[in-house]
């Protein structure tokens, strides 16, 4: 699957020497998400997570240096072993959307982004592609882009060490 990428989107592609089921499962099993879905040195807490089309989540990434970052979102599309599409919205601890600036973020950061993750497999190797509707330059400047890279690397290590 080819994606058209513009400078207005984050684009990450990773090849993982594991079957597509294992990689997709790492994104759709809440227990597995707890192990990798936060940048290095951070932790994640899910107040709510329903991984199904139309399902919602409310999470907090705790960073010892910068504090807590709450967000909410909705799973817009889930095609097993093929595609995940979800929104990310800055929120408060109660799950109410907030202005990203009020969360200490860059004034240019959009209050809502859409993340699309696609999975393809060839000969037992999975290619993961992630798109997020925010400028890659802004995502790099704010730390969101390197955070995605760190999280995907953690997910990759978890999948490669897993026996599921």
Protein backbone atom coordinates (compact mmCIF):
# COMPACT_ATOMS: atom_id res chain seq x y z
CA UNK A 1 0.00 0.00 0.00
CA UNK A 2 1.47 3.34 -1.03
CA UNK A 3 0.72 6.48 0.93
CA UNK A 4 0.84 10.00 -0.45
CA UNK A 5 2.80 11.98 2.10
CA UNK A 6 3.09 15.74 2.32
CA UNK A 7 5.20 17.98 4.53
CA UNK A 8 1.99 18.55 6.48
CA UNK A 9 2.05 15.00 7.83
CA UNK A 10 4.26 12.91 10.02
CA UNK A 11 5.35 9.79 8.17
CA UNK A 12 7.20 6.88 9.76
CA UNK A 13 7.91 3.52 8.16
CA UNK A 14 9.39 0.58 10.03
CA UNK A 15 10.12 -2.98 8.97
CA UNK A 16 9.71 -5.59 11.69
CA UNK A 17 11.01 -9.14 11.40
CA UNK A 18 7.78 -10.60 12.79
CA UNK A 19 4.42 -11.72 11.50
CA UNK A 20 1.66 -9.21 10.97
CA UNK A 21 -0.56 -10.75 13.67
CA UNK A 22 2.06 -10.08 16.36
CA UNK A 23 2.63 -6.51 15.22
CA UNK A 24 -1.08 -5.70 14.89
CA UNK A 25 -1.74 -7.30 18.29
CA UNK A 26 0.84 -4.99 19.89
CA UNK A 27 -1.36 -2.05 18.79
CA UNK A 28 -4.69 -3.59 19.78
CA UNK A 29 -4.04 -5.40 23.08
CA UNK A 30 -4.29 -2.93 26.00
CA UNK A 31 -1.85 -5.00 28.09
CA UNK A 32 0.76 -4.77 25.35
CA UNK A 33 0.15 -1.04 24.81
CA UNK A 34 1.00 -0.48 28.49
CA UNK A 35 4.52 -1.77 27.78
CA UNK A 36 5.44 0.38 24.80
CA UNK A 37 3.00 3.23 24.09
CA UNK A 38 5.02 5.96 25.83
CA UNK A 39 8.40 7.50 24.98
CA UNK A 40 11.62 6.47 26.76
CA UNK A 41 11.53 7.28 30.47
CA UNK A 42 7.75 7.80 30.44
CA UNK A 43 4.79 5.66 31.44
CA UNK A 44 1.23 5.44 30.17
CA UNK A 45 -2.02 5.00 32.06
CA UNK A 46 -5.32 4.26 30.38
CA UNK A 47 -8.37 5.49 32.29
CA UNK A 48 -10.47 3.99 29.50
CA UNK A 49 -9.69 2.02 26.37
CA UNK A 50 -12.11 0.29 24.00
CA UNK A 51 -10.22 -0.93 20.96
CA UNK A 52 -13.04 -1.33 18.45
CA UNK A 53 -14.39 0.84 15.65
CA UNK A 54 -16.18 3.70 17.42
CA UNK A 55 -14.43 2.85 20.70
CA UNK A 56 -12.84 5.56 22.80
CA UNK A 57 -9.76 5.93 24.95
CA UNK A 58 -8.57 8.33 27.64
CA UNK A 59 -4.89 8.11 28.46
CA UNK A 60 -2.09 9.90 30.24
CA UNK A 61 1.60 9.82 29.38
CA UNK A 62 3.60 10.72 32.47
CA UNK A 63 6.96 12.32 31.80
CA UNK A 64 9.23 12.89 34.83
CA UNK A 65 10.64 16.02 33.19
CA UNK A 66 7.52 17.61 31.67
CA UNK A 67 4.65 16.19 33.73
CA UNK A 68 1.44 14.55 32.59
CA UNK A 69 -0.02 14.75 29.09
CA UNK A 70 -3.65 13.62 28.90
CA UNK A 71 -5.44 12.81 25.67
CA UNK A 72 -8.64 11.28 24.42
CA UNK A 73 -9.46 9.74 21.10
CA UNK A 74 -11.70 7.53 19.06
CA UNK A 75 -10.91 4.50 16.93
CA UNK A 76 -12.36 5.50 13.56
CA UNK A 77 -11.42 2.34 11.65
CA UNK A 78 -9.98 -1.03 12.57
CA UNK A 79 -9.29 -3.61 9.88
CA UNK A 80 -7.58 -6.58 11.58
CA UNK A 81 -3.96 -7.05 10.49
CA UNK A 82 -4.30 -4.21 7.96
CA UNK A 83 -5.18 -0.80 9.36
CA UNK A 84 -5.87 1.32 12.46
CA UNK A 85 -7.19 4.87 12.31
CA UNK A 86 -7.69 6.91 15.47
CA UNK A 87 -7.89 10.49 16.66
CA UNK A 88 -5.67 12.10 19.28
CA UNK A 89 -7.14 15.08 21.15
CA UNK A 90 -5.47 17.00 23.96
CA UNK A 91 -7.57 16.62 27.10
CA UNK A 92 -7.62 17.15 30.83
CA UNK A 93 -7.68 14.47 33.52
CA UNK A 94 -11.49 14.35 33.34
CA UNK A 95 -11.43 13.66 29.60
CA UNK A 96 -12.53 17.10 28.42
CA UNK A 97 -10.84 18.43 25.26
CA UNK A 98 -8.50 21.34 25.97
CA UNK A 99 -6.48 23.83 23.99
CA UNK A 100 -2.99 22.34 23.47
CA UNK A 101 -1.44 25.61 24.72
CA UNK A 102 -3.18 25.02 28.08
CA UNK A 103 -1.31 21.70 28.23
CA UNK A 104 2.00 23.52 27.68
CA UNK A 105 2.24 22.59 24.00
CA UNK A 106 3.36 24.65 21.03
CA UNK A 107 0.69 27.20 19.97
CA UNK A 108 0.78 25.75 16.44
CA UNK A 109 -0.05 22.21 17.63
CA UNK A 110 -3.54 21.20 16.43
CA UNK A 111 -6.03 20.25 19.12
CA UNK A 112 -6.95 17.12 17.17
CA UNK A 113 -4.91 14.92 14.87
CA UNK A 114 -5.69 11.74 12.97
CA UNK A 115 -3.28 8.81 13.11
CA UNK A 116 -3.38 6.11 10.44
CA UNK A 117 -1.28 2.97 10.89
CA UNK A 118 -1.13 0.43 8.08
CA UNK A 119 0.36 -3.05 8.19
CA UNK A 120 1.55 -5.21 5.28
CA UNK A 121 3.41 -8.50 5.42
CA UNK A 122 5.74 -10.23 3.01
CA UNK A 123 7.52 -13.49 3.87
CA UNK A 124 6.91 -13.11 7.61
CA UNK A 125 8.22 -9.53 7.73
CA UNK A 126 5.79 -6.74 8.57
CA UNK A 127 6.00 -3.23 7.19
CA UNK A 128 4.33 -0.66 9.41
CA UNK A 129 3.53 2.82 8.11
CA UNK A 130 2.30 5.59 10.40
CA UNK A 131 0.81 8.88 9.26
CA UNK A 132 -0.28 11.68 11.61
CA UNK A 133 -2.04 14.84 10.43
CA UNK A 134 0.49 17.32 11.79
CA UNK A 135 3.52 18.84 10.10
CA UNK A 136 6.62 16.68 10.47
CA UNK A 137 8.65 19.85 11.17
CA UNK A 138 6.33 20.84 14.03
CA UNK A 139 6.24 17.26 15.34
CA UNK A 140 10.05 17.19 15.33
CA UNK A 141 10.29 20.59 17.06
CA UNK A 142 7.82 19.60 19.79
CA UNK A 143 9.24 16.14 20.40
CA UNK A 144 6.20 14.26 19.05
CA UNK A 145 8.11 12.81 16.10
CA UNK A 146 11.06 11.48 18.15
CA UNK A 147 8.52 10.16 20.67
CA UNK A 148 6.81 8.12 17.93
CA UNK A 149 10.21 6.74 16.88
CA UNK A 150 11.02 5.77 20.48
CA UNK A 151 7.62 4.13 20.99
CA UNK A 152 7.79 2.18 17.73
CA UNK A 153 11.28 0.99 18.65
CA UNK A 154 9.97 -0.16 22.05
CA UNK A 155 7.05 -1.94 20.33
CA UNK A 156 9.44 -3.57 17.88
CA UNK A 157 11.64 -4.90 20.73
CA UNK A 158 8.58 -6.19 22.60
CA UNK A 159 7.27 -7.99 19.50
CA UNK A 160 10.66 -9.53 18.70
CA UNK A 161 11.04 -10.83 22.28
CA UNK A 162 7.45 -12.08 22.52
CA UNK A 163 6.33 -15.65 22.06
CA UNK A 164 2.69 -14.85 21.23
